[in-house]
Amino acid sequence: TGSSDPYCIVKIDNEAIIRTATVWKTLSPFWGEEYEVHLQPTFHSVSIYVMDEDALSRDDVIGKVCITRDMLAEHPKGYSGWVSLSEVDPDEEVQGEIHLRVEALGSQGGRRLRCTVLEAR
């Protein structure tokens, strides 16, 4: 139909911890959702998967963004901007980007991650 029913799943070290709302029938969804989660001192990465909800079959993966521990260290005040989606399946072509704001809060022992999933295109 030329549109998707997108939502996002946020995973820390491959464990799903957040699912945004689905935005129906659009290629330019707006979520504006903010989450704060506790980070283990040993965490490696935060991944955000953009999914296409499908009532009749398995939901499709549109693409993903991976934010590593090193990337967070490079941006001590946090990162905000558009990030290009990368493919999950090497045989799939991915187009699109997601607007995120990500910020690590607290000290090493009690770190939290504030992740704001704003919009996509």
N, C-alpha and C. Protein backbone atom coordinates (compact mmCIF):
# COMPACT_ATOMS: atom_id res chain seq x y z
N THR A 1 0.81 -1.20 0.00
CA THR A 1 0.00 0.00 0.00
C THR A 1 0.85 1.26 0.00
N GLY A 2 2.18 1.11 0.08
CA GLY A 2 3.06 2.27 0.10
C GLY A 2 3.23 2.89 1.47
N SER A 3 2.72 2.23 2.51
CA SER A 3 2.93 2.74 3.86
C SER A 3 3.24 1.58 4.79
N SER A 4 3.61 1.91 6.02
CA SER A 4 3.93 0.91 7.03
C SER A 4 3.15 1.21 8.29
N ASP A 5 3.21 0.29 9.23
CA ASP A 5 2.64 0.47 10.56
C ASP A 5 3.80 0.34 11.55
N PRO A 6 4.67 1.38 11.62
CA PRO A 6 5.92 1.24 12.37
C PRO A 6 5.80 1.39 13.88
N TYR A 7 6.68 0.66 14.55
CA TYR A 7 6.91 0.80 15.99
C TYR A 7 8.38 0.47 16.23
N CYS A 8 8.88 0.75 17.41
CA CYS A 8 10.28 0.47 17.73
C CYS A 8 10.38 -0.46 18.93
N ILE A 9 11.41 -1.28 18.90
CA ILE A 9 11.79 -2.10 20.05
C ILE A 9 13.20 -1.67 20.45
N VAL A 10 13.38 -1.37 21.73
CA VAL A 10 14.70 -1.00 22.25
C VAL A 10 15.23 -2.21 23.00
N LYS A 11 16.46 -2.62 22.64
CA LYS A 11 17.10 -3.77 23.29
C LYS A 11 18.42 -3.32 23.91
N ILE A 12 18.70 -3.82 25.10
CA ILE A 12 20.02 -3.65 25.69
C ILE A 12 20.67 -5.02 25.67
N ASP A 13 21.84 -5.09 25.01
CA ASP A 13 22.55 -6.36 24.86
C ASP A 13 21.60 -7.48 24.41
N ASN A 14 20.80 -7.18 23.43
CA ASN A 14 19.88 -8.14 22.78
C ASN A 14 18.69 -8.55 23.64
N GLU A 15 18.45 -7.88 24.76
CA GLU A 15 17.26 -8.15 25.57
C GLU A 15 16.27 -7.01 25.37
N ALA A 16 15.09 -7.35 24.84
CA ALA A 16 14.06 -6.34 24.58
C ALA A 16 13.56 -5.77 25.90
N ILE A 17 13.58 -4.42 26.01
CA ILE A 17 13.14 -3.80 27.26
C ILE A 17 12.03 -2.78 27.05
N ILE A 18 11.89 -2.27 25.81
CA ILE A 18 10.88 -1.24 25.55
C ILE A 18 10.26 -1.51 24.18
N ARG A 19 8.96 -1.24 24.07
CA ARG A 19 8.26 -1.26 22.78
C ARG A 19 7.43 0.02 22.71
N THR A 20 7.65 0.78 21.65
CA THR A 20 6.86 2.01 21.48
C THR A 20 5.47 1.65 20.97
N ALA A 21 4.63 2.65 20.90
CA ALA A 21 3.31 2.49 20.29
C ALA A 21 3.48 2.31 18.78
N THR A 22 2.52 1.68 18.15
CA THR A 22 2.50 1.58 16.69
C THR A 22 1.85 2.83 16.12
N VAL A 23 2.46 3.36 15.06
CA VAL A 23 1.87 4.51 14.36
C VAL A 23 1.35 3.94 13.03
N TRP A 24 0.06 4.02 12.83
CA TRP A 24 -0.59 3.31 11.72
C TRP A 24 -0.48 4.07 10.41
N LYS A 25 -0.24 3.31 9.34
CA LYS A 25 -0.31 3.77 7.94
C LYS A 25 0.50 5.04 7.66
N THR A 26 1.82 4.95 7.88
CA THR A 26 2.68 6.10 7.62
C THR A 26 4.11 5.65 7.31
N LEU A 27 4.82 6.48 6.56
CA LEU A 27 6.25 6.30 6.35
C LEU A 27 7.05 7.35 7.12
N SER A 28 6.35 8.23 7.84
CA SER A 28 7.00 9.28 8.63
C SER A 28 6.38 9.33 10.03
N PRO A 29 6.60 8.28 10.83
CA PRO A 29 5.95 8.23 12.15
C PRO A 29 6.55 9.22 13.13
N PHE A 30 5.73 9.70 14.04
CA PHE A 30 6.17 10.51 15.17
C PHE A 30 5.79 9.76 16.44
N TRP A 31 6.76 9.51 17.32
CA TRP A 31 6.48 8.85 18.59
C TRP A 31 6.60 9.83 19.74
N GLY A 32 7.73 10.52 19.85
CA GLY A 32 7.94 11.46 20.95
C GLY A 32 7.95 10.78 22.31
N GLU A 33 8.37 9.52 22.37
CA GLU A 33 8.35 8.76 23.61
C GLU A 33 9.73 8.77 24.26
N GLU A 34 9.76 8.97 25.59
CA GLU A 34 11.03 9.01 26.32
C GLU A 34 11.02 7.92 27.37
N TYR A 35 12.16 7.22 27.50
CA TYR A 35 12.29 6.14 28.47
C TYR A 35 13.59 6.29 29.22
N GLU A 36 13.59 5.86 30.48
CA GLU A 36 14.82 5.80 31.26
C GLU A 36 14.96 4.38 31.77
N VAL A 37 16.13 3.76 31.53
CA VAL A 37 16.37 2.38 31.95
C VAL A 37 17.70 2.30 32.68
N HIS A 38 17.81 1.33 33.57
CA HIS A 38 19.05 1.09 34.30
C HIS A 38 20.01 0.32 33.39
N LEU A 39 21.27 0.75 33.36
CA LEU A 39 22.30 0.06 32.58
C LEU A 39 23.20 -0.74 33.51
N GLN A 40 23.43 -1.99 33.18
CA GLN A 40 24.40 -2.78 33.92
C GLN A 40 25.79 -2.22 33.63
N PRO A 41 26.72 -2.25 34.58
CA PRO A 41 28.06 -1.73 34.32
C PRO A 41 28.76 -2.45 33.16
N THR A 42 28.32 -3.67 32.88
CA THR A 42 28.97 -4.46 31.82
C THR A 42 28.24 -4.40 30.47
N PHE A 43 27.25 -3.50 30.33
CA PHE A 43 26.49 -3.49 29.08
C PHE A 43 27.40 -3.18 27.89
N HIS A 44 27.03 -3.69 26.70
CA HIS A 44 27.82 -3.47 25.49
C HIS A 44 27.16 -2.52 24.51
N SER A 45 25.83 -2.70 24.30
CA SER A 45 25.17 -1.87 23.29
C SER A 45 23.68 -1.75 23.54
N VAL A 46 23.14 -0.68 22.96
CA VAL A 46 21.70 -0.44 22.94
C VAL A 46 21.31 -0.45 21.47
N SER A 47 20.33 -1.28 21.11
CA SER A 47 19.86 -1.36 19.72
C SER A 47 18.41 -0.93 19.66
N ILE A 48 18.09 -0.19 18.62
CA ILE A 48 16.71 0.24 18.39
C ILE A 48 16.29 -0.33 17.05
N TYR A 49 15.31 -1.21 17.08
CA TYR A 49 14.79 -1.86 15.88
C TYR A 49 13.52 -1.15 15.46
N VAL A 50 13.44 -0.74 14.20
CA VAL A 50 12.21 -0.18 13.66
C VAL A 50 11.48 -1.33 12.96
N MET A 51 10.27 -1.59 13.41
CA MET A 51 9.49 -2.73 12.94
C MET A 51 8.25 -2.26 12.18
N ASP A 52 7.71 -3.14 11.35
CA ASP A 52 6.46 -2.90 10.64
C ASP A 52 5.45 -3.93 11.13
N GLU A 53 4.44 -3.48 11.86
CA GLU A 53 3.45 -4.40 12.41
C GLU A 53 2.59 -4.97 11.30
N ASP A 54 2.37 -6.29 11.37
CA ASP A 54 1.59 -6.97 10.35
C ASP A 54 0.61 -7.91 11.04
N ALA A 55 -0.68 -7.68 10.87
CA ALA A 55 -1.70 -8.47 11.56
C ALA A 55 -1.77 -9.91 11.06
N LEU A 56 -1.41 -10.14 9.79
CA LEU A 56 -1.61 -11.47 9.21
C LEU A 56 -0.38 -12.36 9.23
N SER A 57 0.81 -11.78 9.45
CA SER A 57 2.03 -12.59 9.50
C SER A 57 3.00 -11.95 10.50
N ARG A 58 4.20 -12.50 10.53
CA ARG A 58 5.21 -11.98 11.44
C ARG A 58 5.56 -10.54 11.10
N ASP A 59 5.79 -9.71 12.11
CA ASP A 59 6.17 -8.31 11.88
C ASP A 59 7.52 -8.26 11.16
N ASP A 60 7.65 -7.32 10.22
CA ASP A 60 8.88 -7.17 9.45
C ASP A 60 9.82 -6.20 10.15
N VAL A 61 11.13 -6.47 10.03
CA VAL A 61 12.13 -5.54 10.52
C VAL A 61 12.45 -4.56 9.40
N ILE A 62 12.24 -3.27 9.64
CA ILE A 62 12.56 -2.25 8.64
C ILE A 62 14.06 -1.96 8.68
N GLY A 63 14.62 -1.88 9.87
CA GLY A 63 16.05 -1.62 10.04
C GLY A 63 16.36 -1.41 11.50
N LYS A 64 17.64 -1.15 11.80
CA LYS A 64 18.01 -0.96 13.19
C LYS A 64 19.13 0.07 13.30
N VAL A 65 19.30 0.56 14.52
CA VAL A 65 20.39 1.45 14.90
C VAL A 65 21.03 0.83 16.13
N CYS A 66 22.35 0.77 16.15
CA CYS A 66 23.06 0.22 17.29
C CYS A 66 23.95 1.31 17.89
N ILE A 67 23.80 1.53 19.19
CA ILE A 67 24.60 2.52 19.91
C ILE A 67 25.45 1.75 20.91
N THR A 68 26.77 1.78 20.70
CA THR A 68 27.66 1.01 21.56
C THR A 68 28.06 1.81 22.79
N ARG A 69 28.60 1.12 23.74
CA ARG A 69 29.11 1.73 24.96
C ARG A 69 30.17 2.79 24.62
N ASP A 70 31.04 2.47 23.63
CA ASP A 70 32.09 3.41 23.20
C ASP A 70 31.49 4.67 22.58
N MET A 71 30.42 4.52 21.81
CA MET A 71 29.76 5.68 21.20
C MET A 71 29.19 6.60 22.28
N LEU A 72 28.61 6.02 23.32
CA LEU A 72 28.09 6.83 24.42
C LEU A 72 29.23 7.56 25.13
N ALA A 73 30.38 6.89 25.29
CA ALA A 73 31.53 7.52 25.93
C ALA A 73 32.06 8.70 25.11
N GLU A 74 31.93 8.62 23.77
CA GLU A 74 32.38 9.70 22.89
C GLU A 74 31.48 10.93 22.98
N HIS A 75 30.26 10.76 23.47
CA HIS A 75 29.30 11.86 23.60
C HIS A 75 28.85 11.96 25.06
N PRO A 76 29.73 12.47 25.95
CA PRO A 76 29.38 12.48 27.38
C PRO A 76 28.15 13.31 27.72
N LYS A 77 27.80 14.27 26.88
CA LYS A 77 26.59 15.08 27.13
C LYS A 77 25.39 14.50 26.39
N GLY A 78 25.57 13.35 25.75
CA GLY A 78 24.49 12.72 25.02
C GLY A 78 24.57 13.00 23.54
N TYR A 79 23.73 12.30 22.79
CA TYR A 79 23.68 12.46 21.34
C TYR A 79 22.24 12.74 20.94
N SER A 80 22.07 13.66 20.02
CA SER A 80 20.75 13.95 19.49
C SER A 80 20.89 14.19 18.00
N GLY A 81 20.10 13.48 17.20
CA GLY A 81 20.13 13.71 15.76
C GLY A 81 19.54 12.55 14.98
N TRP A 82 19.61 12.67 13.67
CA TRP A 82 19.12 11.64 12.76
C TRP A 82 20.21 10.59 12.56
N VAL A 83 19.83 9.32 12.64
CA VAL A 83 20.77 8.21 12.46
C VAL A 83 20.20 7.30 11.38
N SER A 84 21.03 6.96 10.39
CA SER A 84 20.58 6.07 9.32
C SER A 84 20.36 4.66 9.85
N LEU A 85 19.30 4.03 9.36
CA LEU A 85 19.02 2.65 9.72
C LEU A 85 19.98 1.73 8.97
N SER A 86 20.40 0.66 9.63
CA SER A 86 21.21 -0.36 8.96
C SER A 86 20.38 -1.63 8.85
N GLU A 87 20.80 -2.51 7.96
CA GLU A 87 20.03 -3.73 7.72
C GLU A 87 20.26 -4.74 8.83
N VAL A 88 19.26 -5.57 9.07
CA VAL A 88 19.37 -6.67 10.01
C VAL A 88 19.70 -7.93 9.21
N ASP A 89 19.08 -8.08 8.05
CA ASP A 89 19.33 -9.19 7.12
C ASP A 89 20.22 -8.66 6.00
N PRO A 90 21.41 -9.24 5.78
CA PRO A 90 22.32 -8.72 4.76
C PRO A 90 21.73 -8.74 3.34
N ASP A 91 20.68 -9.53 3.11
CA ASP A 91 20.07 -9.60 1.78
C ASP A 91 19.01 -8.52 1.57
N GLU A 92 18.70 -7.75 2.61
CA GLU A 92 17.67 -6.73 2.52
C GLU A 92 18.29 -5.34 2.35
N GLU A 93 17.71 -4.54 1.47
CA GLU A 93 18.13 -3.15 1.34
C GLU A 93 17.33 -2.31 2.32
N VAL A 94 18.00 -1.39 3.00
CA VAL A 94 17.34 -0.57 4.01
C VAL A 94 17.46 0.89 3.63
N GLN A 95 16.35 1.59 3.71
CA GLN A 95 16.34 3.03 3.53
C GLN A 95 15.61 3.63 4.72
N GLY A 96 16.06 4.78 5.14
CA GLY A 96 15.37 5.45 6.23
C GLY A 96 16.31 5.82 7.34
N GLU A 97 15.79 6.67 8.22
CA GLU A 97 16.56 7.10 9.37
C GLU A 97 15.61 7.40 10.52
N ILE A 98 16.18 7.43 11.72
CA ILE A 98 15.39 7.64 12.92
C ILE A 98 16.02 8.79 13.71
N HIS A 99 15.17 9.63 14.30
CA HIS A 99 15.63 10.77 15.09
C HIS A 99 15.60 10.38 16.56
N LEU A 100 16.78 10.35 17.18
CA LEU A 100 16.93 9.89 18.56
C LEU A 100 17.61 10.95 19.42
N ARG A 101 17.37 10.85 20.70
CA ARG A 101 18.14 11.58 21.68
C ARG A 101 18.52 10.54 22.74
N VAL A 102 19.83 10.33 22.94
CA VAL A 102 20.31 9.30 23.86
C VAL A 102 21.31 9.94 24.81
N GLU A 103 21.16 9.63 26.10
CA GLU A 103 22.02 10.27 27.09
C GLU A 103 22.24 9.30 28.26
N ALA A 104 23.52 9.09 28.64
CA ALA A 104 23.85 8.27 29.79
C ALA A 104 23.89 9.17 31.02
N LEU A 105 23.21 8.76 32.09
CA LEU A 105 23.11 9.55 33.31
C LEU A 105 23.70 8.77 34.48
N GLY A 106 24.24 9.48 35.47
CA GLY A 106 24.73 8.83 36.67
C GLY A 106 26.16 8.36 36.55
N SER A 107 26.61 7.65 37.59
CA SER A 107 27.98 7.16 37.65
C SER A 107 28.04 5.72 37.17
N GLN A 108 29.25 5.18 37.07
CA GLN A 108 29.45 3.81 36.59
C GLN A 108 28.61 2.80 37.37
N GLY A 109 28.54 2.96 38.69
CA GLY A 109 27.81 1.99 39.51
C GLY A 109 26.30 2.06 39.35
N GLY A 110 25.77 3.26 39.08
CA GLY A 110 24.33 3.43 38.98
C GLY A 110 23.94 4.16 37.72
N ARG A 111 24.38 3.66 36.58
CA ARG A 111 24.11 4.35 35.32
C ARG A 111 22.72 4.07 34.80
N ARG A 112 22.13 5.12 34.23
CA ARG A 112 20.84 4.99 33.58
C ARG A 112 20.99 5.53 32.17
N LEU A 113 20.15 5.08 31.30
CA LEU A 113 20.12 5.56 29.92
C LEU A 113 18.78 6.23 29.69
N ARG A 114 18.82 7.48 29.22
CA ARG A 114 17.59 8.16 28.81
C ARG A 114 17.57 8.10 27.29
N CYS A 115 16.55 7.50 26.76
CA CYS A 115 16.43 7.32 25.31
C CYS A 115 15.10 7.92 24.87
N THR A 116 15.18 8.88 23.97
CA THR A 116 13.97 9.50 23.43
C THR A 116 13.87 9.11 21.96
N VAL A 117 12.82 8.38 21.62
CA VAL A 117 12.55 7.98 20.25
C VAL A 117 11.58 9.01 19.70
N LEU A 118 12.08 9.89 18.83
CA LEU A 118 11.27 11.02 18.37
C LEU A 118 10.45 10.69 17.13
N GLU A 119 11.12 10.44 16.01
CA GLU A 119 10.41 10.22 14.76
C GLU A 119 11.29 9.46 13.78
N ALA A 120 10.75 9.12 12.64
CA ALA A 120 11.51 8.40 11.61
C ALA A 120 11.03 8.87 10.25
N ARG A 121 11.85 8.55 9.26
CA ARG A 121 11.46 8.84 7.88
C ARG A 121 12.14 7.87 6.94
